[in-house]
């Protein structure tokens, strides 16, 4: 049991449409492999 509250501060994500059906992740992604990146996995889950 936990009480979540959301803050007015966080990461920033910019989504740029591409003509080709691909998912690209750029920016502060450290050395996380693409397939393990939660942003990529979320996008891929909506395909």
ModelCIF file with pLDDT and N, C-alpha, C, O atoms, coordinates in Angstrom:
data_MODEL
#
_entry.id   MODEL 
#
_entity.id                         1 
_entity.type                       polymer 
_entity.pdbx_number_of_molecules   1 
#
_entity_poly.entity_id                      1 
_entity_poly.type                           'polypeptide(L)' 
_entity_poly.nstd_linkage                   no 
_entity_poly.nstd_monomer                   no 
_entity_poly.pdbx_seq_one_letter_code       
;(UNK)(UNK)(UNK)(UNK)(UNK)(UNK)(UNK)(UNK)(UNK)(UNK)(UNK)(UNK)(UNK)(UNK)(UNK)(UNK)
(UNK)(UNK)(UNK)(UNK)(UNK)(UNK)(UNK)(UNK)(UNK)(UNK)(UNK)(UNK)(UNK)(UNK)(UNK)(UNK)
(UNK)(UNK)(UNK)(UNK)(UNK)(UNK)(UNK)(UNK)(UNK)(UNK)(UNK)(UNK)(UNK)(UNK)(UNK)
;
_entity_poly.pdbx_seq_one_letter_code_can   XXXXXXXXXXXXXXXXXXXXXXXXXXXXXXXXXXXXXXXXXXXXXXX 
_entity_poly.pdbx_strand_id                 A 
#
loop_
_entity_poly_seq.entity_id 
_entity_poly_seq.num 
_entity_poly_seq.mon_id 
_entity_poly_seq.hetero 
1 1  UNK n 
1 2  UNK n 
1 3  UNK n 
1 4  UNK n 
1 5  UNK n 
1 6  UNK n 
1 7  UNK n 
1 8  UNK n 
1 9  UNK n 
1 10 UNK n 
1 11 UNK n 
1 12 UNK n 
1 13 UNK n 
1 14 UNK n 
1 15 UNK n 
1 16 UNK n 
1 17 UNK n 
1 18 UNK n 
1 19 UNK n 
1 20 UNK n 
1 21 UNK n 
1 22 UNK n 
1 23 UNK n 
1 24 UNK n 
1 25 UNK n 
1 26 UNK n 
1 27 UNK n 
1 28 UNK n 
1 29 UNK n 
1 30 UNK n 
1 31 UNK n 
1 32 UNK n 
1 33 UNK n 
1 34 UNK n 
1 35 UNK n 
1 36 UNK n 
1 37 UNK n 
1 38 UNK n 
1 39 UNK n 
1 40 UNK n 
1 41 UNK n 
1 42 UNK n 
1 43 UNK n 
1 44 UNK n 
1 45 UNK n 
1 46 UNK n 
1 47 UNK n 
#
_struct_asym.id          A 
_struct_asym.entity_id   1 
#
loop_
_ma_qa_metric.id 
_ma_qa_metric.mode 
_ma_qa_metric.name 
_ma_qa_metric.software_group_id 
_ma_qa_metric.type 
1 global pLDDT . pLDDT 
2 local  pLDDT . pLDDT 
#
_ma_qa_metric_global.metric_id      1 
_ma_qa_metric_global.metric_value   95.00 
_ma_qa_metric_global.model_id       1 
_ma_qa_metric_global.ordinal_id     1 
#
loop_
_ma_qa_metric_local.label_asym_id 
_ma_qa_metric_local.label_comp_id 
_ma_qa_metric_local.label_seq_id 
_ma_qa_metric_local.metric_id 
_ma_qa_metric_local.metric_value 
_ma_qa_metric_local.model_id 
_ma_qa_metric_local.ordinal_id 
A UNK 1  2 97.00 1 1  
A UNK 2  2 97.00 1 2  
A UNK 3  2 97.00 1 3  
A UNK 4  2 97.00 1 4  
A UNK 5  2 97.00 1 5  
A UNK 6  2 98.00 1 6  
A UNK 7  2 98.00 1 7  
A UNK 8  2 98.00 1 8  
A UNK 9  2 98.00 1 9  
A UNK 10 2 98.00 1 10 
A UNK 11 2 98.00 1 11 
A UNK 12 2 98.00 1 12 
A UNK 13 2 98.00 1 13 
A UNK 14 2 98.00 1 14 
A UNK 15 2 98.00 1 15 
A UNK 16 2 98.00 1 16 
A UNK 17 2 96.00 1 17 
A UNK 18 2 96.00 1 18 
A UNK 19 2 94.00 1 19 
A UNK 20 2 94.00 1 20 
A UNK 21 2 94.00 1 21 
A UNK 22 2 96.00 1 22 
A UNK 23 2 97.00 1 23 
A UNK 24 2 96.00 1 24 
A UNK 25 2 96.00 1 25 
A UNK 26 2 96.00 1 26 
A UNK 27 2 95.00 1 27 
A UNK 28 2 92.00 1 28 
A UNK 29 2 88.00 1 29 
A UNK 30 2 80.00 1 30 
A UNK 31 2 82.00 1 31 
A UNK 32 2 84.00 1 32 
A UNK 33 2 89.00 1 33 
A UNK 34 2 88.00 1 34 
A UNK 35 2 90.00 1 35 
A UNK 36 2 91.00 1 36 
A UNK 37 2 95.00 1 37 
A UNK 38 2 96.00 1 38 
A UNK 39 2 97.00 1 39 
A UNK 40 2 98.00 1 40 
A UNK 41 2 98.00 1 41 
A UNK 42 2 98.00 1 42 
A UNK 43 2 98.00 1 43 
A UNK 44 2 97.00 1 44 
A UNK 45 2 98.00 1 45 
A UNK 46 2 97.00 1 46 
A UNK 47 2 96.00 1 47 
#
loop_
_atom_site.group_PDB 
_atom_site.id 
_atom_site.type_symbol 
_atom_site.label_atom_id 
_atom_site.label_alt_id 
_atom_site.label_comp_id 
_atom_site.label_asym_id 
_atom_site.label_entity_id 
_atom_site.label_seq_id 
_atom_site.pdbx_PDB_ins_code 
_atom_site.Cartn_x 
_atom_site.Cartn_y 
_atom_site.Cartn_z 
_atom_site.occupancy 
_atom_site.B_iso_or_equiv 
_atom_site.pdbx_formal_charge 
_atom_site.auth_seq_id 
_atom_site.auth_comp_id 
_atom_site.auth_asym_id 
_atom_site.auth_atom_id 
_atom_site.pdbx_PDB_model_num 
ATOM 1   N N  . UNK A 1 1  ? 0.862  -1.172 0.000   1.00 97.00 ? 1  UNK A N  1 
ATOM 2   C CA . UNK A 1 1  ? 0.000  0.000  0.000   1.00 97.00 ? 1  UNK A CA 1 
ATOM 3   C C  . UNK A 1 1  ? 0.902  1.227  0.000   1.00 97.00 ? 1  UNK A C  1 
ATOM 4   O O  . UNK A 1 1  ? 1.827  1.328  0.805   1.00 97.00 ? 1  UNK A O  1 
ATOM 5   N N  . UNK A 1 2  ? 0.626  2.152  -0.904  1.00 97.00 ? 2  UNK A N  1 
ATOM 6   C CA . UNK A 1 2  ? 1.471  3.328  -0.999  1.00 97.00 ? 2  UNK A CA 1 
ATOM 7   C C  . UNK A 1 2  ? 0.644  4.496  -1.512  1.00 97.00 ? 2  UNK A C  1 
ATOM 8   O O  . UNK A 1 2  ? -0.325 4.305  -2.246  1.00 97.00 ? 2  UNK A O  1 
ATOM 9   N N  . UNK A 1 3  ? 1.030  5.699  -1.124  1.00 97.00 ? 3  UNK A N  1 
ATOM 10  C CA . UNK A 1 3  ? 0.362  6.899  -1.610  1.00 97.00 ? 3  UNK A CA 1 
ATOM 11  C C  . UNK A 1 3  ? 1.310  7.629  -2.545  1.00 97.00 ? 3  UNK A C  1 
ATOM 12  O O  . UNK A 1 3  ? 2.349  8.145  -2.133  1.00 97.00 ? 3  UNK A O  1 
ATOM 13  N N  . UNK A 1 4  ? 0.922  7.661  -3.831  1.00 97.00 ? 4  UNK A N  1 
ATOM 14  C CA . UNK A 1 4  ? 1.701  8.362  -4.846  1.00 97.00 ? 4  UNK A CA 1 
ATOM 15  C C  . UNK A 1 4  ? 1.209  9.803  -4.975  1.00 97.00 ? 4  UNK A C  1 
ATOM 16  O O  . UNK A 1 4  ? 0.004  10.051 -5.008  1.00 97.00 ? 4  UNK A O  1 
ATOM 17  N N  . UNK A 1 5  ? 2.137  10.741 -5.046  1.00 97.00 ? 5  UNK A N  1 
ATOM 18  C CA . UNK A 1 5  ? 1.795  12.083 -5.490  1.00 97.00 ? 5  UNK A CA 1 
ATOM 19  C C  . UNK A 1 5  ? 2.787  12.489 -6.572  1.00 97.00 ? 5  UNK A C  1 
ATOM 20  O O  . UNK A 1 5  ? 3.971  12.164 -6.490  1.00 97.00 ? 5  UNK A O  1 
ATOM 21  N N  . UNK A 1 6  ? 2.301  13.201 -7.586  1.00 98.00 ? 6  UNK A N  1 
ATOM 22  C CA . UNK A 1 6  ? 3.129  13.580 -8.727  1.00 98.00 ? 6  UNK A CA 1 
ATOM 23  C C  . UNK A 1 6  ? 3.600  15.019 -8.574  1.00 98.00 ? 6  UNK A C  1 
ATOM 24  O O  . UNK A 1 6  ? 2.874  15.875 -8.070  1.00 98.00 ? 6  UNK A O  1 
ATOM 25  N N  . UNK A 1 7  ? 4.821  15.270 -9.016  1.00 98.00 ? 7  UNK A N  1 
ATOM 26  C CA . UNK A 1 7  ? 5.436  16.585 -8.873  1.00 98.00 ? 7  UNK A CA 1 
ATOM 27  C C  . UNK A 1 7  ? 5.394  17.370 -10.184 1.00 98.00 ? 7  UNK A C  1 
ATOM 28  O O  . UNK A 1 7  ? 5.087  16.821 -11.242 1.00 98.00 ? 7  UNK A O  1 
ATOM 29  N N  . UNK A 1 8  ? 5.703  18.647 -10.095 1.00 98.00 ? 8  UNK A N  1 
ATOM 30  C CA . UNK A 1 8  ? 5.706  19.539 -11.259 1.00 98.00 ? 8  UNK A CA 1 
ATOM 31  C C  . UNK A 1 8  ? 7.093  19.594 -11.906 1.00 98.00 ? 8  UNK A C  1 
ATOM 32  O O  . UNK A 1 8  ? 7.419  20.559 -12.598 1.00 98.00 ? 8  UNK A O  1 
ATOM 33  N N  . UNK A 1 9  ? 7.889  18.581 -11.685 1.00 98.00 ? 9  UNK A N  1 
ATOM 34  C CA . UNK A 1 9  ? 9.278  18.542 -12.155 1.00 98.00 ? 9  UNK A CA 1 
ATOM 35  C C  . UNK A 1 9  ? 9.552  17.154 -12.693 1.00 98.00 ? 9  UNK A C  1 
ATOM 36  O O  . UNK A 1 9  ? 9.069  16.167 -12.138 1.00 98.00 ? 9  UNK A O  1 
ATOM 37  N N  . UNK A 1 10 ? 10.328 17.062 -13.774 1.00 98.00 ? 10 UNK A N  1 
ATOM 38  C CA . UNK A 1 10 ? 10.612 15.737 -14.294 1.00 98.00 ? 10 UNK A CA 1 
ATOM 39  C C  . UNK A 1 10 ? 11.505 15.757 -15.522 1.00 98.00 ? 10 UNK A C  1 
ATOM 40  O O  . UNK A 1 10 ? 12.083 16.785 -15.877 1.00 98.00 ? 10 UNK A O  1 
ATOM 41  N N  . UNK A 1 11 ? 11.606 14.602 -16.162 1.00 98.00 ? 11 UNK A N  1 
ATOM 42  C CA . UNK A 1 11 ? 12.327 14.477 -17.423 1.00 98.00 ? 11 UNK A CA 1 
ATOM 43  C C  . UNK A 1 11 ? 11.530 15.164 -18.526 1.00 98.00 ? 11 UNK A C  1 
ATOM 44  O O  . UNK A 1 11 ? 10.339 15.436 -18.370 1.00 98.00 ? 11 UNK A O  1 
ATOM 45  N N  . UNK A 1 12 ? 12.198 15.439 -19.635 1.00 98.00 ? 12 UNK A N  1 
ATOM 46  C CA . UNK A 1 12 ? 11.512 16.029 -20.783 1.00 98.00 ? 12 UNK A CA 1 
ATOM 47  C C  . UNK A 1 12 ? 11.666 15.106 -21.987 1.00 98.00 ? 12 UNK A C  1 
ATOM 48  O O  . UNK A 1 12 ? 12.771 14.675 -22.314 1.00 98.00 ? 12 UNK A O  1 
ATOM 49  N N  . UNK A 1 13 ? 10.548 14.810 -22.641 1.00 98.00 ? 13 UNK A N  1 
ATOM 50  C CA . UNK A 1 13 ? 10.557 13.964 -23.837 1.00 98.00 ? 13 UNK A CA 1 
ATOM 51  C C  . UNK A 1 13 ? 9.958  14.735 -25.006 1.00 98.00 ? 13 UNK A C  1 
ATOM 52  O O  . UNK A 1 13 ? 8.875  15.312 -24.904 1.00 98.00 ? 13 UNK A O  1 
ATOM 53  N N  . UNK A 1 14 ? 10.683 14.729 -26.111 1.00 98.00 ? 14 UNK A N  1 
ATOM 54  C CA . UNK A 1 14 ? 10.195 15.357 -27.337 1.00 98.00 ? 14 UNK A CA 1 
ATOM 55  C C  . UNK A 1 14 ? 9.945  14.262 -28.370 1.00 98.00 ? 14 UNK A C  1 
ATOM 56  O O  . UNK A 1 14 ? 10.814 13.431 -28.632 1.00 98.00 ? 14 UNK A O  1 
ATOM 57  N N  . UNK A 1 15 ? 8.752  14.274 -28.951 1.00 98.00 ? 15 UNK A N  1 
ATOM 58  C CA . UNK A 1 15 ? 8.315  13.263 -29.912 1.00 98.00 ? 15 UNK A CA 1 
ATOM 59  C C  . UNK A 1 15 ? 8.234  13.906 -31.297 1.00 98.00 ? 15 UNK A C  1 
ATOM 60  O O  . UNK A 1 15 ? 7.440  14.818 -31.525 1.00 98.00 ? 15 UNK A O  1 
ATOM 61  N N  . UNK A 1 16 ? 9.061  13.422 -32.208 1.00 98.00 ? 16 UNK A N  1 
ATOM 62  C CA . UNK A 1 16 ? 9.158  13.984 -33.551 1.00 98.00 ? 16 UNK A CA 1 
ATOM 63  C C  . UNK A 1 16 ? 8.670  12.927 -34.551 1.00 98.00 ? 16 UNK A C  1 
ATOM 64  O O  . UNK A 1 16 ? 9.311  11.886 -34.697 1.00 98.00 ? 16 UNK A O  1 
ATOM 65  N N  . UNK A 1 17 ? 7.552  13.175 -35.239 1.00 96.00 ? 17 UNK A N  1 
ATOM 66  C CA . UNK A 1 17 ? 7.052  12.185 -36.200 1.00 96.00 ? 17 UNK A CA 1 
ATOM 67  C C  . UNK A 1 17 ? 8.051  11.948 -37.334 1.00 96.00 ? 17 UNK A C  1 
ATOM 68  O O  . UNK A 1 17 ? 8.696  12.878 -37.819 1.00 96.00 ? 17 UNK A O  1 
ATOM 69  N N  . UNK A 1 18 ? 8.164  10.678 -37.746 1.00 96.00 ? 18 UNK A N  1 
ATOM 70  C CA . UNK A 1 18 ? 9.020  10.289 -38.861 1.00 96.00 ? 18 UNK A CA 1 
ATOM 71  C C  . UNK A 1 18 ? 8.168  9.656  -39.953 1.00 96.00 ? 18 UNK A C  1 
ATOM 72  O O  . UNK A 1 18 ? 7.175  8.988  -39.670 1.00 96.00 ? 18 UNK A O  1 
ATOM 73  N N  . UNK A 1 19 ? 8.563  9.871  -41.192 1.00 94.00 ? 19 UNK A N  1 
ATOM 74  C CA . UNK A 1 19 ? 7.810  9.281  -42.308 1.00 94.00 ? 19 UNK A CA 1 
ATOM 75  C C  . UNK A 1 19 ? 7.906  7.760  -42.303 1.00 94.00 ? 19 UNK A C  1 
ATOM 76  O O  . UNK A 1 19 ? 6.923  7.075  -42.583 1.00 94.00 ? 19 UNK A O  1 
ATOM 77  N N  . UNK A 1 20 ? 9.094  7.226  -41.986 1.00 94.00 ? 20 UNK A N  1 
ATOM 78  C CA . UNK A 1 20 ? 9.271  5.777  -41.977 1.00 94.00 ? 20 UNK A CA 1 
ATOM 79  C C  . UNK A 1 20 ? 8.817  5.198  -40.637 1.00 94.00 ? 20 UNK A C  1 
ATOM 80  O O  . UNK A 1 20 ? 8.894  5.862  -39.603 1.00 94.00 ? 20 UNK A O  1 
ATOM 81  N N  . UNK A 1 21 ? 8.348  3.969  -40.668 1.00 94.00 ? 21 UNK A N  1 
ATOM 82  C CA . UNK A 1 21 ? 7.794  3.319  -39.473 1.00 94.00 ? 21 UNK A CA 1 
ATOM 83  C C  . UNK A 1 21 ? 8.927  2.757  -38.605 1.00 94.00 ? 21 UNK A C  1 
ATOM 84  O O  . UNK A 1 21 ? 9.131  1.545  -38.538 1.00 94.00 ? 21 UNK A O  1 
ATOM 85  N N  . UNK A 1 22 ? 9.655  3.659  -37.946 1.00 96.00 ? 22 UNK A N  1 
ATOM 86  C CA . UNK A 1 22 ? 10.735 3.246  -37.059 1.00 96.00 ? 22 UNK A CA 1 
ATOM 87  C C  . UNK A 1 22 ? 10.595 3.978  -35.724 1.00 96.00 ? 22 UNK A C  1 
ATOM 88  O O  . UNK A 1 22 ? 9.901  4.990  -35.622 1.00 96.00 ? 22 UNK A O  1 
ATOM 89  N N  . UNK A 1 23 ? 11.266 3.446  -34.712 1.00 97.00 ? 23 UNK A N  1 
ATOM 90  C CA . UNK A 1 23 ? 11.300 4.073  -33.386 1.00 97.00 ? 23 UNK A CA 1 
ATOM 91  C C  . UNK A 1 23 ? 12.757 4.373  -33.065 1.00 97.00 ? 23 UNK A C  1 
ATOM 92  O O  . UNK A 1 23 ? 13.574 3.459  -32.946 1.00 97.00 ? 23 UNK A O  1 
ATOM 93  N N  . UNK A 1 24 ? 13.075 5.639  -32.927 1.00 96.00 ? 24 UNK A N  1 
ATOM 94  C CA . UNK A 1 24 ? 14.440 6.059  -32.580 1.00 96.00 ? 24 UNK A CA 1 
ATOM 95  C C  . UNK A 1 24 ? 14.426 6.723  -31.211 1.00 96.00 ? 24 UNK A C  1 
ATOM 96  O O  . UNK A 1 24 ? 13.531 7.510  -30.903 1.00 96.00 ? 24 UNK A O  1 
ATOM 97  N N  . UNK A 1 25 ? 15.422 6.401  -30.392 1.00 96.00 ? 25 UNK A N  1 
ATOM 98  C CA . UNK A 1 25 ? 15.563 7.013  -29.070 1.00 96.00 ? 25 UNK A CA 1 
ATOM 99  C C  . UNK A 1 25 ? 16.901 7.738  -29.021 1.00 96.00 ? 25 UNK A C  1 
ATOM 100 O O  . UNK A 1 25 ? 17.942 7.137  -29.287 1.00 96.00 ? 25 UNK A O  1 
ATOM 101 N N  . UNK A 1 26 ? 16.883 9.023  -28.683 1.00 96.00 ? 26 UNK A N  1 
ATOM 102 C CA . UNK A 1 26 ? 18.091 9.833  -28.623 1.00 96.00 ? 26 UNK A CA 1 
ATOM 103 C C  . UNK A 1 26 ? 18.154 10.567 -27.282 1.00 96.00 ? 26 UNK A C  1 
ATOM 104 O O  . UNK A 1 26 ? 17.188 10.583 -26.519 1.00 96.00 ? 26 UNK A O  1 
ATOM 105 N N  . UNK A 1 27 ? 19.300 11.167 -27.018 1.00 95.00 ? 27 UNK A N  1 
ATOM 106 C CA . UNK A 1 27 ? 19.439 11.984 -25.812 1.00 95.00 ? 27 UNK A CA 1 
ATOM 107 C C  . UNK A 1 27 ? 20.117 11.248 -24.682 1.00 95.00 ? 27 UNK A C  1 
ATOM 108 O O  . UNK A 1 27 ? 21.061 10.488 -24.904 1.00 95.00 ? 27 UNK A O  1 
ATOM 109 N N  . UNK A 1 28 ? 19.642 11.468 -23.473 1.00 92.00 ? 28 UNK A N  1 
ATOM 110 C CA . UNK A 1 28 ? 20.286 10.939 -22.263 1.00 92.00 ? 28 UNK A CA 1 
ATOM 111 C C  . UNK A 1 28 ? 19.848 9.503  -21.998 1.00 92.00 ? 28 UNK A C  1 
ATOM 112 O O  . UNK A 1 28 ? 19.094 9.231  -21.064 1.00 92.00 ? 28 UNK A O  1 
ATOM 113 N N  . UNK A 1 29 ? 20.331 8.596  -22.831 1.00 88.00 ? 29 UNK A N  1 
ATOM 114 C CA . UNK A 1 29 ? 19.895 7.195  -22.738 1.00 88.00 ? 29 UNK A CA 1 
ATOM 115 C C  . UNK A 1 29 ? 20.949 6.304  -22.095 1.00 88.00 ? 29 UNK A C  1 
ATOM 116 O O  . UNK A 1 29 ? 20.792 5.084  -22.049 1.00 88.00 ? 29 UNK A O  1 
ATOM 117 N N  . UNK A 1 30 ? 22.035 6.920  -21.595 1.00 80.00 ? 30 UNK A N  1 
ATOM 118 C CA . UNK A 1 30 ? 23.121 6.164  -20.936 1.00 80.00 ? 30 UNK A CA 1 
ATOM 119 C C  . UNK A 1 30 ? 23.576 5.047  -21.865 1.00 80.00 ? 30 UNK A C  1 
ATOM 120 O O  . UNK A 1 30 ? 23.646 5.240  -23.079 1.00 80.00 ? 30 UNK A O  1 
ATOM 121 N N  . UNK A 1 31 ? 23.885 3.884  -21.305 1.00 82.00 ? 31 UNK A N  1 
ATOM 122 C CA . UNK A 1 31 ? 24.348 2.769  -22.141 1.00 82.00 ? 31 UNK A CA 1 
ATOM 123 C C  . UNK A 1 31 ? 23.342 1.622  -22.122 1.00 82.00 ? 31 UNK A C  1 
ATOM 124 O O  . UNK A 1 31 ? 23.709 0.457  -22.278 1.00 82.00 ? 31 UNK A O  1 
ATOM 125 N N  . UNK A 1 32 ? 22.056 1.970  -21.925 1.00 84.00 ? 32 UNK A N  1 
ATOM 126 C CA . UNK A 1 32 ? 21.013 0.947  -21.880 1.00 84.00 ? 32 UNK A CA 1 
ATOM 127 C C  . UNK A 1 32 ? 20.734 0.447  -23.301 1.00 84.00 ? 32 UNK A C  1 
ATOM 128 O O  . UNK A 1 32 ? 20.470 1.255  -24.192 1.00 84.00 ? 32 UNK A O  1 
ATOM 129 N N  . UNK A 1 33 ? 20.788 -0.868 -23.527 1.00 89.00 ? 33 UNK A N  1 
ATOM 130 C CA . UNK A 1 33 ? 20.459 -1.395 -24.859 1.00 89.00 ? 33 UNK A CA 1 
ATOM 131 C C  . UNK A 1 33 ? 19.043 -0.993 -25.264 1.00 89.00 ? 33 UNK A C  1 
ATOM 132 O O  . UNK A 1 33 ? 18.151 -0.915 -24.419 1.00 89.00 ? 33 UNK A O  1 
ATOM 133 N N  . UNK A 1 34 ? 18.838 -0.740 -26.551 1.00 88.00 ? 34 UNK A N  1 
ATOM 134 C CA . UNK A 1 34 ? 17.550 -0.248 -27.033 1.00 88.00 ? 34 UNK A CA 1 
ATOM 135 C C  . UNK A 1 34 ? 16.392 -1.137 -26.605 1.00 88.00 ? 34 UNK A C  1 
ATOM 136 O O  . UNK A 1 34 ? 15.353 -0.637 -26.176 1.00 88.00 ? 34 UNK A O  1 
ATOM 137 N N  . UNK A 1 35 ? 16.558 -2.436 -26.716 1.00 90.00 ? 35 UNK A N  1 
ATOM 138 C CA . UNK A 1 35 ? 15.466 -3.350 -26.401 1.00 90.00 ? 35 UNK A CA 1 
ATOM 139 C C  . UNK A 1 35 ? 15.118 -3.343 -24.907 1.00 90.00 ? 35 UNK A C  1 
ATOM 140 O O  . UNK A 1 35 ? 14.030 -3.777 -24.529 1.00 90.00 ? 35 UNK A O  1 
ATOM 141 N N  . UNK A 1 36 ? 16.021 -2.859 -24.063 1.00 91.00 ? 36 UNK A N  1 
ATOM 142 C CA . UNK A 1 36 ? 15.763 -2.786 -22.622 1.00 91.00 ? 36 UNK A CA 1 
ATOM 143 C C  . UNK A 1 36 ? 15.296 -1.400 -22.191 1.00 91.00 ? 36 UNK A C  1 
ATOM 144 O O  . UNK A 1 36 ? 14.904 -1.201 -21.041 1.00 91.00 ? 36 UNK A O  1 
ATOM 145 N N  . UNK A 1 37 ? 15.337 -0.448 -23.112 1.00 95.00 ? 37 UNK A N  1 
ATOM 146 C CA . UNK A 1 37 ? 14.941 0.920  -22.786 1.00 95.00 ? 37 UNK A CA 1 
ATOM 147 C C  . UNK A 1 37 ? 13.420 0.984  -22.622 1.00 95.00 ? 37 UNK A C  1 
ATOM 148 O O  . UNK A 1 37 ? 12.678 0.595  -23.524 1.00 95.00 ? 37 UNK A O  1 
ATOM 149 N N  . UNK A 1 38 ? 12.959 1.479  -21.462 1.00 96.00 ? 38 UNK A N  1 
ATOM 150 C CA . UNK A 1 38 ? 11.514 1.502  -21.188 1.00 96.00 ? 38 UNK A CA 1 
ATOM 151 C C  . UNK A 1 38 ? 10.754 2.395  -22.159 1.00 96.00 ? 38 UNK A C  1 
ATOM 152 O O  . UNK A 1 38 ? 9.592  2.130  -22.468 1.00 96.00 ? 38 UNK A O  1 
ATOM 153 N N  . UNK A 1 39 ? 11.398 3.444  -22.636 1.00 97.00 ? 39 UNK A N  1 
ATOM 154 C CA . UNK A 1 39 ? 10.742 4.319  -23.613 1.00 97.00 ? 39 UNK A CA 1 
ATOM 155 C C  . UNK A 1 39 ? 10.499 3.551  -24.915 1.00 97.00 ? 39 UNK A C  1 
ATOM 156 O O  . UNK A 1 39 ? 9.408  3.607  -25.482 1.00 97.00 ? 39 UNK A O  1 
ATOM 157 N N  . UNK A 1 40 ? 11.524 2.835  -25.379 1.00 98.00 ? 40 UNK A N  1 
ATOM 158 C CA . UNK A 1 40 ? 11.372 2.028  -26.593 1.00 98.00 ? 40 UNK A CA 1 
ATOM 159 C C  . UNK A 1 40 ? 10.313 0.945  -26.389 1.00 98.00 ? 40 UNK A C  1 
ATOM 160 O O  . UNK A 1 40 ? 9.474  0.719  -27.261 1.00 98.00 ? 40 UNK A O  1 
ATOM 161 N N  . UNK A 1 41 ? 10.357 0.276  -25.232 1.00 98.00 ? 41 UNK A N  1 
ATOM 162 C CA . UNK A 1 41 ? 9.407  -0.812 -24.976 1.00 98.00 ? 41 UNK A CA 1 
ATOM 163 C C  . UNK A 1 41 ? 7.971  -0.290 -24.946 1.00 98.00 ? 41 UNK A C  1 
ATOM 164 O O  . UNK A 1 41 ? 7.051  -0.962 -25.413 1.00 98.00 ? 41 UNK A O  1 
ATOM 165 N N  . UNK A 1 42 ? 7.783  0.913  -24.393 1.00 98.00 ? 42 UNK A N  1 
ATOM 166 C CA . UNK A 1 42 ? 6.441  1.508  -24.375 1.00 98.00 ? 42 UNK A CA 1 
ATOM 167 C C  . UNK A 1 42 ? 5.965  1.819  -25.788 1.00 98.00 ? 42 UNK A C  1 
ATOM 168 O O  . UNK A 1 42 ? 4.829  1.519  -26.152 1.00 98.00 ? 42 UNK A O  1 
ATOM 169 N N  . UNK A 1 43 ? 6.850  2.424  -26.579 1.00 98.00 ? 43 UNK A N  1 
ATOM 170 C CA . UNK A 1 43 ? 6.490  2.741  -27.966 1.00 98.00 ? 43 UNK A CA 1 
ATOM 171 C C  . UNK A 1 43 ? 6.186  1.468  -28.749 1.00 98.00 ? 43 UNK A C  1 
ATOM 172 O O  . UNK A 1 43 ? 5.205  1.408  -29.490 1.00 98.00 ? 43 UNK A O  1 
ATOM 173 N N  . UNK A 1 44 ? 7.024  0.458  -28.584 1.00 97.00 ? 44 UNK A N  1 
ATOM 174 C CA . UNK A 1 44 ? 6.859  -0.801 -29.309 1.00 97.00 ? 44 UNK A CA 1 
ATOM 175 C C  . UNK A 1 44 ? 5.547  -1.492 -28.920 1.00 97.00 ? 44 UNK A C  1 
ATOM 176 O O  . UNK A 1 44 ? 4.913  -2.141 -29.752 1.00 97.00 ? 44 UNK A O  1 
ATOM 177 N N  . UNK A 1 45 ? 5.143  -1.347 -27.645 1.00 98.00 ? 45 UNK A N  1 
ATOM 178 C CA . UNK A 1 45 ? 3.905  -1.972 -27.180 1.00 98.00 ? 45 UNK A CA 1 
ATOM 179 C C  . UNK A 1 45 ? 2.668  -1.358 -27.834 1.00 98.00 ? 45 UNK A C  1 
ATOM 180 O O  . UNK A 1 45 ? 1.620  -2.000 -27.901 1.00 98.00 ? 45 UNK A O  1 
ATOM 181 N N  . UNK A 1 46 ? 2.784  -0.116 -28.316 1.00 97.00 ? 46 UNK A N  1 
ATOM 182 C CA . UNK A 1 46 ? 1.647  0.546  -28.972 1.00 97.00 ? 46 UNK A CA 1 
ATOM 183 C C  . UNK A 1 46 ? 1.579  0.273  -30.467 1.00 97.00 ? 46 UNK A C  1 
ATOM 184 O O  . UNK A 1 46 ? 0.577  0.590  -31.107 1.00 97.00 ? 46 UNK A O  1 
ATOM 185 N N  . UNK A 1 47 ? 2.617  -0.304 -31.022 1.00 96.00 ? 47 UNK A N  1 
ATOM 186 C CA . UNK A 1 47 ? 2.652  -0.521 -32.482 1.00 96.00 ? 47 UNK A CA 1 
ATOM 187 C C  . UNK A 1 47 ? 1.431  -1.278 -33.016 1.00 96.00 ? 47 UNK A C  1 
ATOM 188 O O  . UNK A 1 47 ? 1.334  -1.525 -34.218 1.00 96.00 ? 47 UNK A O  1 
#
